[in-house]
Amino acid sequence: MRLTQFTDNALRCLTYLALHDGESSTARDIAQRMGMSTDHLVKVVQKLAQLGYVETSRGWKGGVRLVRAPDQIRVGDVVRQTEQSFALVECFADADSACPIAPLCQLAPALDEALQAFLAVLDRYTLADLTAKRRQLTAAIREASITAAAP
């Protein structure tokens, strides 16, 4: 299974914000420091705001910030809420599947069980877990920003 870029960017954005202790950051700053497209991140931030993970404000001191504590944000929940589809195979998404064995197939239930196990593991982790190595993460972001800005 592969997560979409949208979900990856959502998790990276939340990680960045968790490292900044409730301070506001601009989408442009987050995107630059985390190696993302600003335009794409704006859409991600809008979704995260709709879901109640962040709040946004306009103006000179505006930006985006976490509104929930990192230990209250489950990775599995974020993945469920930002992925468009968990259809691992055609028959998951298409009731009119062309597969002749679909009604008898045991692959679909096995894949569904695997997906549920995948999500159950992610449910054991919070944003606080992802940012436990706070100093190292902050240094890595700073170093990547310096490298990206170098001529």
N, C-alpha and C. Protein backbone atom coordinates (compact mmCIF):
# COMPACT_ATOMS: atom_id res chain seq x y z
N MET A 1 0.85 -1.17 0.00
CA MET A 1 0.00 0.00 0.00
C MET A 1 0.89 1.24 0.00
N ARG A 2 0.43 2.24 -0.70
CA ARG A 2 1.18 3.49 -0.75
C ARG A 2 0.22 4.64 -0.43
N LEU A 3 0.61 5.49 0.50
CA LEU A 3 -0.20 6.65 0.84
C LEU A 3 -0.06 7.71 -0.25
N THR A 4 -1.09 8.50 -0.42
CA THR A 4 -1.04 9.56 -1.41
C THR A 4 -0.12 10.69 -0.93
N GLN A 5 0.29 11.51 -1.88
CA GLN A 5 1.11 12.68 -1.55
C GLN A 5 0.33 13.60 -0.62
N PHE A 6 -0.98 13.67 -0.79
CA PHE A 6 -1.82 14.52 0.06
C PHE A 6 -1.67 14.09 1.53
N THR A 7 -1.81 12.79 1.79
CA THR A 7 -1.69 12.29 3.16
C THR A 7 -0.28 12.48 3.69
N ASP A 8 0.73 12.19 2.86
CA ASP A 8 2.11 12.39 3.27
C ASP A 8 2.34 13.85 3.66
N ASN A 9 1.86 14.78 2.83
CA ASN A 9 2.04 16.20 3.13
C ASN A 9 1.26 16.61 4.38
N ALA A 10 0.10 16.02 4.60
CA ALA A 10 -0.67 16.31 5.81
C ALA A 10 0.13 15.89 7.05
N LEU A 11 0.69 14.71 7.01
CA LEU A 11 1.46 14.23 8.16
C LEU A 11 2.74 15.05 8.36
N ARG A 12 3.38 15.44 7.27
CA ARG A 12 4.59 16.28 7.37
C ARG A 12 4.25 17.66 7.90
N CYS A 13 3.14 18.22 7.46
CA CYS A 13 2.70 19.53 7.95
C CYS A 13 2.41 19.47 9.45
N LEU A 14 1.66 18.45 9.86
CA LEU A 14 1.34 18.30 11.28
C LEU A 14 2.61 18.10 12.12
N THR A 15 3.56 17.35 11.57
CA THR A 15 4.83 17.14 12.28
C THR A 15 5.56 18.46 12.47
N TYR A 16 5.63 19.24 11.40
CA TYR A 16 6.30 20.55 11.48
C TYR A 16 5.62 21.42 12.54
N LEU A 17 4.31 21.48 12.51
CA LEU A 17 3.59 22.32 13.46
C LEU A 17 3.76 21.83 14.89
N ALA A 18 3.81 20.52 15.07
CA ALA A 18 4.00 19.96 16.42
C ALA A 18 5.36 20.35 16.98
N LEU A 19 6.33 20.52 16.12
CA LEU A 19 7.68 20.91 16.56
C LEU A 19 7.75 22.39 16.92
N HIS A 20 6.68 23.14 16.62
CA HIS A 20 6.69 24.58 16.88
C HIS A 20 5.71 25.01 17.98
N ASP A 21 5.36 24.08 18.84
CA ASP A 21 4.65 24.37 20.10
C ASP A 21 3.53 25.40 20.01
N GLY A 22 2.61 25.23 19.09
CA GLY A 22 1.46 26.12 19.02
C GLY A 22 1.70 27.44 18.33
N GLU A 23 2.93 27.68 17.88
CA GLU A 23 3.22 28.91 17.14
C GLU A 23 2.64 28.81 15.73
N SER A 24 2.25 29.95 15.18
CA SER A 24 1.77 29.99 13.81
C SER A 24 2.95 29.97 12.84
N SER A 25 2.75 29.29 11.73
CA SER A 25 3.72 29.27 10.64
C SER A 25 2.95 29.49 9.35
N THR A 26 3.57 30.09 8.39
CA THR A 26 2.89 30.28 7.11
C THR A 26 2.99 29.00 6.29
N ALA A 27 2.03 28.82 5.41
CA ALA A 27 2.06 27.65 4.52
C ALA A 27 3.32 27.70 3.67
N ARG A 28 3.70 28.87 3.25
CA ARG A 28 4.91 29.02 2.42
C ARG A 28 6.15 28.55 3.19
N ASP A 29 6.26 28.95 4.45
CA ASP A 29 7.40 28.56 5.27
C ASP A 29 7.42 27.05 5.48
N ILE A 30 6.27 26.48 5.82
CA ILE A 30 6.19 25.02 6.02
C ILE A 30 6.58 24.30 4.74
N ALA A 31 6.01 24.74 3.63
CA ALA A 31 6.30 24.10 2.34
C ALA A 31 7.78 24.16 2.00
N GLN A 32 8.38 25.33 2.16
CA GLN A 32 9.81 25.47 1.85
C GLN A 32 10.67 24.60 2.75
N ARG A 33 10.38 24.62 4.03
CA ARG A 33 11.21 23.88 4.97
C ARG A 33 11.00 22.37 4.89
N MET A 34 9.81 21.94 4.45
CA MET A 34 9.51 20.51 4.39
C MET A 34 9.54 19.96 2.96
N GLY A 35 9.98 20.78 2.00
CA GLY A 35 10.16 20.30 0.64
C GLY A 35 8.88 19.96 -0.08
N MET A 36 7.87 20.82 0.05
CA MET A 36 6.57 20.59 -0.58
C MET A 36 6.19 21.76 -1.47
N SER A 37 5.21 21.55 -2.31
CA SER A 37 4.63 22.62 -3.10
C SER A 37 3.72 23.46 -2.20
N THR A 38 3.89 24.77 -2.24
CA THR A 38 3.05 25.66 -1.43
C THR A 38 1.60 25.54 -1.86
N ASP A 39 1.34 25.51 -3.16
CA ASP A 39 -0.04 25.40 -3.64
C ASP A 39 -0.71 24.12 -3.14
N HIS A 40 0.03 23.03 -3.17
CA HIS A 40 -0.53 21.76 -2.69
C HIS A 40 -0.75 21.81 -1.19
N LEU A 41 0.21 22.40 -0.48
CA LEU A 41 0.09 22.47 0.98
C LEU A 41 -1.10 23.31 1.41
N VAL A 42 -1.42 24.37 0.68
CA VAL A 42 -2.59 25.19 1.02
C VAL A 42 -3.85 24.33 1.03
N LYS A 43 -3.98 23.44 0.06
CA LYS A 43 -5.14 22.53 0.02
C LYS A 43 -5.12 21.57 1.20
N VAL A 44 -3.94 21.09 1.55
CA VAL A 44 -3.79 20.20 2.70
C VAL A 44 -4.19 20.92 3.98
N VAL A 45 -3.72 22.14 4.14
CA VAL A 45 -4.03 22.93 5.34
C VAL A 45 -5.54 23.18 5.44
N GLN A 46 -6.19 23.46 4.32
CA GLN A 46 -7.64 23.65 4.33
C GLN A 46 -8.34 22.41 4.85
N LYS A 47 -7.91 21.24 4.39
CA LYS A 47 -8.51 19.98 4.85
C LYS A 47 -8.23 19.76 6.33
N LEU A 48 -7.00 20.01 6.75
CA LEU A 48 -6.66 19.83 8.17
C LEU A 48 -7.47 20.77 9.05
N ALA A 49 -7.75 21.97 8.55
CA ALA A 49 -8.59 22.91 9.30
C ALA A 49 -10.03 22.40 9.38
N GLN A 50 -10.55 21.88 8.28
CA GLN A 50 -11.91 21.31 8.27
C GLN A 50 -12.02 20.16 9.27
N LEU A 51 -10.96 19.39 9.39
CA LEU A 51 -10.94 18.23 10.28
C LEU A 51 -10.69 18.62 11.74
N GLY A 52 -10.36 19.88 12.01
CA GLY A 52 -10.16 20.34 13.38
C GLY A 52 -8.77 20.10 13.94
N TYR A 53 -7.79 19.84 13.09
CA TYR A 53 -6.42 19.65 13.56
C TYR A 53 -5.66 20.97 13.67
N VAL A 54 -5.97 21.90 12.77
CA VAL A 54 -5.28 23.18 12.74
C VAL A 54 -6.29 24.31 12.62
N GLU A 55 -5.81 25.51 12.89
CA GLU A 55 -6.60 26.69 12.59
C GLU A 55 -5.73 27.63 11.78
N THR A 56 -6.39 28.41 10.95
CA THR A 56 -5.67 29.35 10.11
C THR A 56 -6.13 30.76 10.44
N SER A 57 -5.24 31.70 10.22
CA SER A 57 -5.59 33.11 10.41
C SER A 57 -4.88 33.92 9.34
N ARG A 58 -5.50 35.01 8.97
CA ARG A 58 -4.93 35.89 7.94
C ARG A 58 -4.25 37.08 8.59
N GLY A 59 -3.53 37.80 7.77
CA GLY A 59 -2.93 39.04 8.25
C GLY A 59 -1.45 38.89 8.53
N TRP A 60 -0.89 39.98 9.03
CA TRP A 60 0.54 40.07 9.27
C TRP A 60 1.04 38.97 10.20
N LYS A 61 0.31 38.66 11.24
CA LYS A 61 0.68 37.61 12.19
C LYS A 61 -0.04 36.30 11.90
N GLY A 62 -0.61 36.21 10.70
CA GLY A 62 -1.40 35.04 10.34
C GLY A 62 -0.56 33.81 10.06
N GLY A 63 -1.25 32.75 9.82
CA GLY A 63 -0.59 31.49 9.51
C GLY A 63 -1.45 30.32 9.90
N VAL A 64 -0.82 29.22 10.15
CA VAL A 64 -1.50 27.99 10.55
C VAL A 64 -0.83 27.46 11.81
N ARG A 65 -1.64 26.91 12.69
CA ARG A 65 -1.09 26.33 13.92
C ARG A 65 -1.95 25.17 14.37
N LEU A 66 -1.34 24.27 15.13
CA LEU A 66 -2.08 23.14 15.69
C LEU A 66 -3.08 23.64 16.72
N VAL A 67 -4.25 23.03 16.75
CA VAL A 67 -5.22 23.36 17.79
C VAL A 67 -5.48 22.18 18.72
N ARG A 68 -4.89 21.06 18.41
CA ARG A 68 -4.99 19.89 19.27
C ARG A 68 -3.58 19.50 19.71
N ALA A 69 -3.49 18.98 20.90
CA ALA A 69 -2.20 18.54 21.41
C ALA A 69 -1.69 17.37 20.56
N PRO A 70 -0.40 17.34 20.29
CA PRO A 70 0.16 16.24 19.49
C PRO A 70 -0.18 14.85 20.01
N ASP A 71 -0.29 14.71 21.34
CA ASP A 71 -0.62 13.39 21.88
C ASP A 71 -2.10 13.03 21.70
N GLN A 72 -2.88 13.96 21.17
CA GLN A 72 -4.30 13.71 20.91
C GLN A 72 -4.58 13.49 19.41
N ILE A 73 -3.55 13.49 18.61
CA ILE A 73 -3.71 13.30 17.16
C ILE A 73 -3.15 11.93 16.78
N ARG A 74 -4.06 11.01 16.48
CA ARG A 74 -3.67 9.65 16.09
C ARG A 74 -3.33 9.61 14.60
N VAL A 75 -2.20 9.01 14.29
CA VAL A 75 -1.75 8.90 12.90
C VAL A 75 -2.79 8.15 12.07
N GLY A 76 -3.35 7.09 12.61
CA GLY A 76 -4.37 6.32 11.87
C GLY A 76 -5.57 7.16 11.50
N ASP A 77 -5.99 8.04 12.40
CA ASP A 77 -7.13 8.92 12.10
C ASP A 77 -6.81 9.87 10.96
N VAL A 78 -5.62 10.45 11.00
CA VAL A 78 -5.21 11.38 9.94
C VAL A 78 -5.19 10.65 8.60
N VAL A 79 -4.64 9.46 8.58
CA VAL A 79 -4.57 8.69 7.33
C VAL A 79 -5.97 8.38 6.83
N ARG A 80 -6.85 7.90 7.69
CA ARG A 80 -8.23 7.60 7.27
C ARG A 80 -8.94 8.84 6.70
N GLN A 81 -8.68 9.99 7.31
CA GLN A 81 -9.41 11.21 6.93
C GLN A 81 -8.81 11.93 5.74
N THR A 82 -7.59 11.58 5.35
CA THR A 82 -6.97 12.29 4.23
C THR A 82 -6.80 11.42 2.98
N GLU A 83 -6.86 10.13 3.13
CA GLU A 83 -6.80 9.24 1.95
C GLU A 83 -8.16 9.24 1.26
N GLN A 84 -8.14 9.32 -0.05
CA GLN A 84 -9.40 9.31 -0.80
C GLN A 84 -9.99 7.92 -0.93
N SER A 85 -9.13 6.92 -0.99
CA SER A 85 -9.62 5.57 -1.22
C SER A 85 -8.67 4.56 -0.60
N PHE A 86 -9.25 3.50 -0.08
CA PHE A 86 -8.46 2.38 0.40
C PHE A 86 -8.71 1.15 -0.46
N ALA A 87 -9.14 1.38 -1.68
CA ALA A 87 -9.39 0.28 -2.62
C ALA A 87 -8.06 -0.29 -3.08
N LEU A 88 -7.64 -1.37 -2.46
CA LEU A 88 -6.36 -1.97 -2.80
C LEU A 88 -6.41 -2.72 -4.12
N VAL A 89 -7.56 -3.21 -4.48
CA VAL A 89 -7.76 -3.87 -5.76
C VAL A 89 -9.09 -3.40 -6.35
N GLU A 90 -9.25 -3.64 -7.63
CA GLU A 90 -10.43 -3.15 -8.38
C GLU A 90 -11.75 -3.51 -7.70
N CYS A 91 -11.88 -4.73 -7.24
CA CYS A 91 -13.17 -5.16 -6.69
C CYS A 91 -13.55 -4.45 -5.40
N PHE A 92 -12.57 -3.81 -4.71
CA PHE A 92 -12.89 -3.03 -3.52
C PHE A 92 -13.70 -1.79 -3.89
N ALA A 93 -13.35 -1.19 -5.02
CA ALA A 93 -13.94 0.09 -5.40
C ALA A 93 -15.07 -0.03 -6.40
N ASP A 94 -15.10 -1.11 -7.13
CA ASP A 94 -16.03 -1.20 -8.24
C ASP A 94 -17.00 -2.36 -8.05
N ALA A 95 -18.25 -2.03 -7.78
CA ALA A 95 -19.28 -3.07 -7.61
C ALA A 95 -19.50 -3.83 -8.91
N ASP A 96 -19.17 -3.21 -10.03
CA ASP A 96 -19.33 -3.85 -11.34
C ASP A 96 -18.00 -4.42 -11.83
N SER A 97 -17.23 -4.98 -10.94
CA SER A 97 -15.92 -5.52 -11.29
C SER A 97 -16.04 -6.56 -12.38
N ALA A 98 -15.07 -6.55 -13.28
CA ALA A 98 -15.05 -7.51 -14.38
C ALA A 98 -14.46 -8.86 -13.96
N CYS A 99 -14.00 -8.96 -12.75
CA CYS A 99 -13.37 -10.19 -12.29
C CYS A 99 -14.42 -11.31 -12.17
N PRO A 100 -14.20 -12.41 -12.87
CA PRO A 100 -15.21 -13.48 -12.86
C PRO A 100 -15.27 -14.25 -11.54
N ILE A 101 -14.26 -14.15 -10.71
CA ILE A 101 -14.27 -14.90 -9.45
C ILE A 101 -14.57 -14.03 -8.23
N ALA A 102 -14.89 -12.78 -8.47
CA ALA A 102 -15.10 -11.84 -7.36
C ALA A 102 -16.02 -12.38 -6.26
N PRO A 103 -17.16 -12.98 -6.59
CA PRO A 103 -18.04 -13.46 -5.51
C PRO A 103 -17.43 -14.57 -4.65
N LEU A 104 -16.45 -15.30 -5.19
CA LEU A 104 -15.85 -16.42 -4.46
C LEU A 104 -14.43 -16.13 -3.99
N CYS A 105 -13.90 -15.00 -4.40
CA CYS A 105 -12.50 -14.68 -4.17
C CYS A 105 -12.19 -14.50 -2.69
N GLN A 106 -11.06 -15.05 -2.28
CA GLN A 106 -10.61 -14.89 -0.91
C GLN A 106 -9.49 -13.87 -0.79
N LEU A 107 -9.07 -13.31 -1.94
CA LEU A 107 -8.04 -12.28 -1.90
C LEU A 107 -8.58 -10.99 -1.28
N ALA A 108 -9.77 -10.60 -1.67
CA ALA A 108 -10.34 -9.35 -1.14
C ALA A 108 -10.46 -9.38 0.39
N PRO A 109 -11.00 -10.42 1.00
CA PRO A 109 -11.04 -10.42 2.46
C PRO A 109 -9.65 -10.43 3.10
N ALA A 110 -8.69 -11.11 2.47
CA ALA A 110 -7.33 -11.12 3.01
C ALA A 110 -6.72 -9.72 2.95
N LEU A 111 -6.92 -9.04 1.82
CA LEU A 111 -6.40 -7.66 1.70
C LEU A 111 -7.11 -6.72 2.65
N ASP A 112 -8.39 -6.91 2.84
CA ASP A 112 -9.12 -6.06 3.79
C ASP A 112 -8.60 -6.28 5.21
N GLU A 113 -8.32 -7.52 5.56
CA GLU A 113 -7.76 -7.82 6.88
C GLU A 113 -6.39 -7.16 7.04
N ALA A 114 -5.58 -7.21 5.99
CA ALA A 114 -4.26 -6.58 6.03
C ALA A 114 -4.38 -5.07 6.17
N LEU A 115 -5.32 -4.47 5.46
CA LEU A 115 -5.55 -3.03 5.56
C LEU A 115 -5.96 -2.65 6.98
N GLN A 116 -6.85 -3.42 7.56
CA GLN A 116 -7.29 -3.13 8.93
C GLN A 116 -6.13 -3.26 9.91
N ALA A 117 -5.25 -4.22 9.69
CA ALA A 117 -4.07 -4.38 10.55
C ALA A 117 -3.13 -3.19 10.39
N PHE A 118 -2.94 -2.75 9.15
CA PHE A 118 -2.11 -1.58 8.85
C PHE A 118 -2.62 -0.36 9.62
N LEU A 119 -3.92 -0.11 9.52
CA LEU A 119 -4.52 1.04 10.20
C LEU A 119 -4.47 0.89 11.72
N ALA A 120 -4.63 -0.34 12.20
CA ALA A 120 -4.56 -0.58 13.65
C ALA A 120 -3.18 -0.24 14.19
N VAL A 121 -2.14 -0.55 13.43
CA VAL A 121 -0.78 -0.20 13.87
C VAL A 121 -0.64 1.32 13.90
N LEU A 122 -1.11 2.00 12.86
CA LEU A 122 -1.02 3.47 12.84
C LEU A 122 -1.82 4.09 13.99
N ASP A 123 -2.90 3.43 14.41
CA ASP A 123 -3.69 3.94 15.53
C ASP A 123 -2.92 3.93 16.85
N ARG A 124 -1.88 3.14 16.92
CA ARG A 124 -1.07 3.08 18.15
C ARG A 124 -0.13 4.26 18.28
N TYR A 125 0.02 5.04 17.21
CA TYR A 125 0.96 6.15 17.20
C TYR A 125 0.24 7.50 17.16
N THR A 126 0.80 8.45 17.86
CA THR A 126 0.28 9.81 17.84
C THR A 126 1.32 10.74 17.22
N LEU A 127 0.90 11.95 16.97
CA LEU A 127 1.83 12.96 16.47
C LEU A 127 2.96 13.18 17.47
N ALA A 128 2.67 13.05 18.75
CA ALA A 128 3.72 13.18 19.77
C ALA A 128 4.78 12.10 19.59
N ASP A 129 4.37 10.89 19.23
CA ASP A 129 5.33 9.83 18.97
C ASP A 129 6.23 10.16 17.78
N LEU A 130 5.62 10.74 16.74
CA LEU A 130 6.37 11.08 15.54
C LEU A 130 7.38 12.19 15.77
N THR A 131 7.15 13.00 16.80
CA THR A 131 8.03 14.13 17.08
C THR A 131 8.84 13.94 18.36
N ALA A 132 8.97 12.72 18.81
CA ALA A 132 9.70 12.44 20.05
C ALA A 132 11.16 12.85 19.97
N LYS A 133 11.77 12.73 18.80
CA LYS A 133 13.16 13.14 18.62
C LYS A 133 13.20 14.60 18.15
N ARG A 134 12.61 15.43 18.96
CA ARG A 134 12.38 16.84 18.65
C ARG A 134 13.64 17.60 18.20
N ARG A 135 14.70 17.51 18.97
CA ARG A 135 15.92 18.24 18.63
C ARG A 135 16.50 17.80 17.29
N GLN A 136 16.56 16.49 17.09
CA GLN A 136 17.11 15.97 15.84
C GLN A 136 16.24 16.36 14.64
N LEU A 137 14.92 16.28 14.80
CA LEU A 137 14.01 16.66 13.71
C LEU A 137 14.15 18.14 13.36
N THR A 138 14.20 18.97 14.38
CA THR A 138 14.34 20.41 14.16
C THR A 138 15.66 20.71 13.45
N ALA A 139 16.72 20.04 13.86
CA ALA A 139 18.03 20.24 13.23
C ALA A 139 17.99 19.76 11.77
N ALA A 140 17.34 18.65 11.51
CA ALA A 140 17.25 18.13 10.14
C ALA A 140 16.48 19.08 9.24
N ILE A 141 15.41 19.66 9.75
CA ILE A 141 14.63 20.63 8.98
C ILE A 141 15.47 21.88 8.70
N ARG A 142 16.16 22.35 9.72
CA ARG A 142 17.01 23.54 9.56
C ARG A 142 18.12 23.27 8.54
N GLU A 143 18.75 22.12 8.63
CA GLU A 143 19.83 21.76 7.71
C GLU A 143 19.31 21.66 6.27
N ALA A 144 18.15 21.04 6.09
CA ALA A 144 17.57 20.91 4.75
C ALA A 144 17.24 22.29 4.19
N SER A 145 16.79 23.21 5.03
CA SER A 145 16.47 24.56 4.59
C SER A 145 17.72 25.31 4.16
N ILE A 146 18.79 25.14 4.90
CA ILE A 146 20.06 25.79 4.55
C ILE A 146 20.59 25.24 3.23
N THR A 147 20.56 23.92 3.09
CA THR A 147 21.03 23.27 1.88
C THR A 147 20.22 23.70 0.66
N ALA A 148 18.89 23.78 0.83
CA ALA A 148 18.02 24.17 -0.28
C ALA A 148 18.23 25.62 -0.67
N ALA A 149 18.60 26.47 0.28
CA ALA A 149 18.79 27.90 0.01
C ALA A 149 20.18 28.21 -0.55
N ALA A 150 21.11 27.28 -0.41
CA ALA A 150 22.47 27.51 -0.88
C ALA A 150 22.50 27.59 -2.41
N PRO A 151 23.35 28.50 -2.96
CA PRO A 151 23.42 28.66 -4.41
C PRO A 151 24.05 27.48 -5.12
